[in-house]
């Protein structure tokens, strides 16, 4: 992505021990941190573990390498973070 882009959507598949996680009815937050800027977005998820984050104006206005993680609050109130260790990365170029 480049600064100012709002496409493509960020699409991730969450798994647990190799099986897709049912995200139906869950609250999903995607946290991206660059050291300069933090972007926290809600995302939608499906029963096959796929989540989609839609970018808005301003989300990608700062170039950098963003460390990402996903925090899911399931309908029963339990919370789980992906990845369990480390981060995934999103790069926004000038």
N, C-alpha and C. Protein backbone atom coordinates (compact mmCIF):
# COMPACT_ATOMS: atom_id res chain seq x y z
N UNK A 1 0.84 -1.18 0.00
CA UNK A 1 0.00 0.00 0.00
C UNK A 1 0.88 1.24 0.00
N UNK A 2 0.28 2.32 -0.43
CA UNK A 2 0.94 3.62 -0.41
C UNK A 2 0.16 4.56 0.49
N UNK A 3 0.83 5.62 0.94
CA UNK A 3 0.18 6.62 1.76
C UNK A 3 -1.10 7.08 1.07
N UNK A 4 -2.20 7.10 1.81
CA UNK A 4 -3.47 7.56 1.30
C UNK A 4 -4.34 6.50 0.66
N UNK A 5 -3.80 5.29 0.41
CA UNK A 5 -4.61 4.22 -0.20
C UNK A 5 -5.68 3.74 0.78
N UNK A 6 -6.84 3.43 0.23
CA UNK A 6 -7.91 2.81 1.03
C UNK A 6 -8.30 1.46 0.43
N UNK A 7 -7.51 0.97 -0.52
CA UNK A 7 -7.70 -0.35 -1.11
C UNK A 7 -6.33 -0.93 -1.38
N UNK A 8 -6.18 -2.22 -1.31
CA UNK A 8 -7.20 -3.23 -1.08
C UNK A 8 -7.51 -3.36 0.41
N UNK A 9 -8.62 -4.01 0.71
CA UNK A 9 -8.97 -4.33 2.09
C UNK A 9 -7.91 -5.25 2.67
N UNK A 10 -7.73 -5.22 3.97
CA UNK A 10 -6.86 -6.18 4.65
C UNK A 10 -7.70 -7.41 4.95
N UNK A 11 -7.29 -8.55 4.42
CA UNK A 11 -8.02 -9.81 4.60
C UNK A 11 -7.08 -10.80 5.28
N UNK A 12 -7.50 -11.34 6.41
CA UNK A 12 -6.71 -12.31 7.16
C UNK A 12 -7.57 -13.52 7.47
N UNK A 13 -6.94 -14.68 7.61
CA UNK A 13 -7.65 -15.88 8.05
C UNK A 13 -7.07 -16.32 9.38
N UNK A 14 -7.92 -16.38 10.40
CA UNK A 14 -7.48 -16.80 11.73
C UNK A 14 -7.73 -18.28 11.91
N UNK A 15 -6.69 -18.97 12.39
CA UNK A 15 -6.79 -20.40 12.64
C UNK A 15 -6.33 -20.70 14.06
N UNK A 16 -6.77 -21.83 14.56
CA UNK A 16 -6.34 -22.32 15.86
C UNK A 16 -5.98 -23.79 15.66
N UNK A 17 -4.71 -24.12 15.83
CA UNK A 17 -4.21 -25.47 15.56
C UNK A 17 -4.55 -25.92 14.15
N UNK A 18 -4.50 -24.97 13.19
CA UNK A 18 -4.71 -25.29 11.78
C UNK A 18 -6.15 -25.26 11.33
N UNK A 19 -7.09 -25.14 12.26
CA UNK A 19 -8.51 -25.10 11.90
C UNK A 19 -9.02 -23.66 11.92
N UNK A 20 -9.88 -23.28 10.97
CA UNK A 20 -10.42 -21.92 10.96
C UNK A 20 -11.23 -21.64 12.23
N UNK A 21 -11.12 -20.42 12.72
CA UNK A 21 -11.84 -19.99 13.93
C UNK A 21 -13.18 -19.40 13.52
N UNK A 22 -14.25 -19.85 14.15
CA UNK A 22 -15.59 -19.30 13.88
C UNK A 22 -15.68 -17.92 14.53
N UNK A 23 -15.75 -16.89 13.70
CA UNK A 23 -15.79 -15.52 14.19
C UNK A 23 -17.22 -14.95 14.24
N UNK A 24 -18.20 -15.79 13.99
CA UNK A 24 -19.60 -15.36 13.98
C UNK A 24 -19.97 -14.73 15.33
N UNK A 25 -20.51 -13.51 15.29
CA UNK A 25 -20.97 -12.84 16.51
C UNK A 25 -19.86 -12.27 17.36
N UNK A 26 -18.61 -12.30 16.88
CA UNK A 26 -17.47 -11.80 17.65
C UNK A 26 -17.22 -10.32 17.38
N UNK A 27 -16.60 -9.67 18.36
CA UNK A 27 -16.10 -8.31 18.16
C UNK A 27 -14.63 -8.44 17.82
N UNK A 28 -14.22 -7.84 16.72
CA UNK A 28 -12.85 -8.01 16.23
C UNK A 28 -12.18 -6.64 16.12
N UNK A 29 -11.00 -6.53 16.73
CA UNK A 29 -10.19 -5.31 16.61
C UNK A 29 -8.86 -5.67 15.99
N UNK A 30 -8.44 -4.87 15.03
CA UNK A 30 -7.12 -5.02 14.42
C UNK A 30 -6.31 -3.82 14.88
N UNK A 31 -5.16 -4.09 15.51
CA UNK A 31 -4.30 -3.05 16.04
C UNK A 31 -3.02 -3.03 15.22
N UNK A 32 -2.70 -1.87 14.66
CA UNK A 32 -1.49 -1.70 13.87
C UNK A 32 -0.67 -0.57 14.49
N UNK A 33 0.61 -0.86 14.82
CA UNK A 33 1.46 0.12 15.49
C UNK A 33 2.77 0.27 14.72
N UNK A 34 3.15 1.54 14.47
CA UNK A 34 4.40 1.78 13.75
C UNK A 34 5.46 2.41 14.62
N UNK A 35 5.14 2.77 15.85
CA UNK A 35 6.06 3.52 16.70
C UNK A 35 5.79 5.00 16.58
N UNK A 36 5.19 5.41 15.45
CA UNK A 36 4.81 6.80 15.22
C UNK A 36 3.29 6.95 15.31
N UNK A 37 2.60 5.94 14.82
CA UNK A 37 1.14 6.00 14.75
C UNK A 37 0.56 4.64 15.12
N UNK A 38 -0.60 4.67 15.79
CA UNK A 38 -1.35 3.46 16.08
C UNK A 38 -2.72 3.58 15.42
N UNK A 39 -3.09 2.52 14.69
CA UNK A 39 -4.40 2.46 14.06
C UNK A 39 -5.14 1.28 14.68
N UNK A 40 -6.30 1.54 15.24
CA UNK A 40 -7.15 0.48 15.79
C UNK A 40 -8.45 0.49 15.03
N UNK A 41 -8.78 -0.63 14.40
CA UNK A 41 -9.94 -0.72 13.54
C UNK A 41 -10.79 -1.91 13.92
N UNK A 42 -12.10 -1.78 13.73
CA UNK A 42 -12.99 -2.92 13.84
C UNK A 42 -12.97 -3.66 12.51
N UNK A 43 -13.19 -4.95 12.57
CA UNK A 43 -13.24 -5.76 11.37
C UNK A 43 -14.43 -6.70 11.47
N UNK A 44 -14.84 -7.22 10.32
CA UNK A 44 -15.91 -8.21 10.30
C UNK A 44 -15.30 -9.59 10.06
N UNK A 45 -15.94 -10.61 10.60
CA UNK A 45 -15.43 -11.97 10.46
C UNK A 45 -16.53 -12.94 10.10
N UNK A 46 -16.10 -14.11 9.62
CA UNK A 46 -17.06 -15.13 9.19
C UNK A 46 -16.80 -16.45 9.91
N UNK A 47 -17.66 -17.41 9.65
CA UNK A 47 -17.54 -18.71 10.31
C UNK A 47 -16.32 -19.50 9.84
N UNK A 48 -15.73 -19.11 8.70
CA UNK A 48 -14.55 -19.82 8.18
C UNK A 48 -13.24 -19.14 8.54
N UNK A 49 -13.26 -18.25 9.55
CA UNK A 49 -12.05 -17.63 10.06
C UNK A 49 -11.55 -16.43 9.29
N UNK A 50 -12.24 -16.04 8.24
CA UNK A 50 -11.80 -14.91 7.42
C UNK A 50 -12.31 -13.62 8.02
N UNK A 51 -11.39 -12.65 8.18
CA UNK A 51 -11.80 -11.33 8.64
C UNK A 51 -11.40 -10.31 7.59
N UNK A 52 -12.19 -9.26 7.50
CA UNK A 52 -11.97 -8.21 6.52
C UNK A 52 -11.95 -6.87 7.24
N UNK A 53 -10.89 -6.11 7.00
CA UNK A 53 -10.76 -4.77 7.54
C UNK A 53 -10.86 -3.79 6.37
N UNK A 54 -11.78 -2.84 6.48
CA UNK A 54 -11.95 -1.80 5.47
C UNK A 54 -11.18 -0.57 5.92
N UNK A 55 -10.35 -0.03 5.04
CA UNK A 55 -9.58 1.18 5.35
C UNK A 55 -10.45 2.41 5.16
N UNK A 56 -10.25 3.43 5.99
CA UNK A 56 -10.92 4.72 5.86
C UNK A 56 -9.86 5.78 5.59
N UNK A 57 -10.30 6.95 5.11
CA UNK A 57 -9.39 8.07 4.94
C UNK A 57 -8.68 8.33 6.26
N UNK A 58 -7.38 8.55 6.21
CA UNK A 58 -6.59 8.83 7.40
C UNK A 58 -5.92 7.62 8.01
N UNK A 59 -6.42 6.42 7.72
CA UNK A 59 -5.82 5.21 8.28
C UNK A 59 -4.41 4.98 7.76
N UNK A 60 -4.18 5.36 6.51
CA UNK A 60 -2.89 5.06 5.86
C UNK A 60 -2.15 6.34 5.50
N UNK A 61 -2.32 7.40 6.29
CA UNK A 61 -1.69 8.67 5.95
C UNK A 61 -0.25 8.80 6.47
N UNK A 62 0.25 7.79 7.17
CA UNK A 62 1.61 7.82 7.70
C UNK A 62 2.37 6.59 7.23
N UNK A 63 3.45 6.83 6.47
CA UNK A 63 4.27 5.72 5.96
C UNK A 63 4.97 5.00 7.10
N UNK A 64 5.22 3.72 6.90
CA UNK A 64 5.96 2.96 7.89
C UNK A 64 5.63 1.49 7.83
N UNK A 65 6.35 0.73 8.65
CA UNK A 65 6.08 -0.69 8.81
C UNK A 65 5.29 -0.83 10.11
N UNK A 66 4.09 -1.35 9.99
CA UNK A 66 3.19 -1.48 11.12
C UNK A 66 3.18 -2.91 11.63
N UNK A 67 3.38 -3.06 12.94
CA UNK A 67 3.24 -4.36 13.61
C UNK A 67 1.76 -4.55 13.90
N UNK A 68 1.22 -5.68 13.48
CA UNK A 68 -0.21 -5.90 13.63
C UNK A 68 -0.55 -7.09 14.49
N UNK A 69 -1.71 -6.99 15.12
CA UNK A 69 -2.28 -8.12 15.85
C UNK A 69 -3.80 -7.98 15.81
N UNK A 70 -4.47 -9.08 16.03
CA UNK A 70 -5.92 -9.12 16.01
C UNK A 70 -6.40 -9.58 17.38
N UNK A 71 -7.36 -8.86 17.92
CA UNK A 71 -7.94 -9.21 19.22
C UNK A 71 -9.42 -9.51 19.01
N UNK A 72 -9.81 -10.73 19.37
CA UNK A 72 -11.19 -11.17 19.16
C UNK A 72 -11.85 -11.39 20.51
N UNK A 73 -13.01 -10.77 20.68
CA UNK A 73 -13.86 -11.04 21.84
C UNK A 73 -15.03 -11.86 21.31
N UNK A 74 -15.08 -13.12 21.72
CA UNK A 74 -16.11 -14.03 21.26
C UNK A 74 -17.44 -13.73 21.94
N UNK A 75 -18.52 -14.26 21.40
CA UNK A 75 -19.86 -13.99 21.93
C UNK A 75 -20.03 -14.46 23.37
N UNK A 76 -19.18 -15.41 23.82
CA UNK A 76 -19.25 -15.88 25.21
C UNK A 76 -18.38 -15.04 26.15
N UNK A 77 -17.76 -13.96 25.62
CA UNK A 77 -16.95 -13.06 26.42
C UNK A 77 -15.47 -13.41 26.49
N UNK A 78 -15.07 -14.58 26.00
CA UNK A 78 -13.67 -14.96 26.00
C UNK A 78 -12.91 -14.14 24.97
N UNK A 79 -11.62 -13.86 25.26
CA UNK A 79 -10.79 -13.02 24.40
C UNK A 79 -9.56 -13.80 23.96
N UNK A 80 -9.21 -13.67 22.68
CA UNK A 80 -8.01 -14.31 22.15
C UNK A 80 -7.33 -13.35 21.17
N UNK A 81 -5.98 -13.37 21.17
CA UNK A 81 -5.20 -12.50 20.30
C UNK A 81 -4.41 -13.33 19.31
N UNK A 82 -4.37 -12.88 18.04
CA UNK A 82 -3.57 -13.51 16.98
C UNK A 82 -2.56 -12.50 16.48
N UNK A 83 -1.38 -12.89 16.08
CA UNK A 83 -0.83 -14.21 16.36
C UNK A 83 -0.52 -14.35 17.84
N UNK A 84 -0.40 -15.58 18.30
CA UNK A 84 -0.13 -15.85 19.71
C UNK A 84 1.24 -15.30 20.10
N UNK A 85 2.16 -15.31 19.16
CA UNK A 85 3.51 -14.76 19.39
C UNK A 85 3.86 -13.88 18.21
N UNK A 86 4.58 -12.80 18.47
CA UNK A 86 5.01 -11.92 17.39
C UNK A 86 3.86 -11.11 16.82
N UNK A 87 4.03 -10.69 15.58
CA UNK A 87 3.07 -9.83 14.91
C UNK A 87 3.03 -10.20 13.44
N UNK A 88 2.01 -9.69 12.74
CA UNK A 88 2.06 -9.67 11.28
C UNK A 88 2.42 -8.24 10.90
N UNK A 89 2.79 -8.01 9.66
CA UNK A 89 3.28 -6.69 9.26
C UNK A 89 2.50 -6.14 8.08
N UNK A 90 2.24 -4.84 8.14
CA UNK A 90 1.65 -4.10 7.03
C UNK A 90 2.60 -2.96 6.73
N UNK A 91 3.02 -2.83 5.47
CA UNK A 91 3.91 -1.76 5.08
C UNK A 91 3.14 -0.73 4.27
N UNK A 92 3.26 0.53 4.68
CA UNK A 92 2.67 1.63 3.93
C UNK A 92 3.83 2.47 3.40
N UNK A 93 3.96 2.50 2.09
CA UNK A 93 5.06 3.20 1.43
C UNK A 93 4.70 4.65 1.15
N UNK A 94 5.73 5.50 1.07
CA UNK A 94 5.53 6.91 0.69
C UNK A 94 4.88 7.00 -0.66
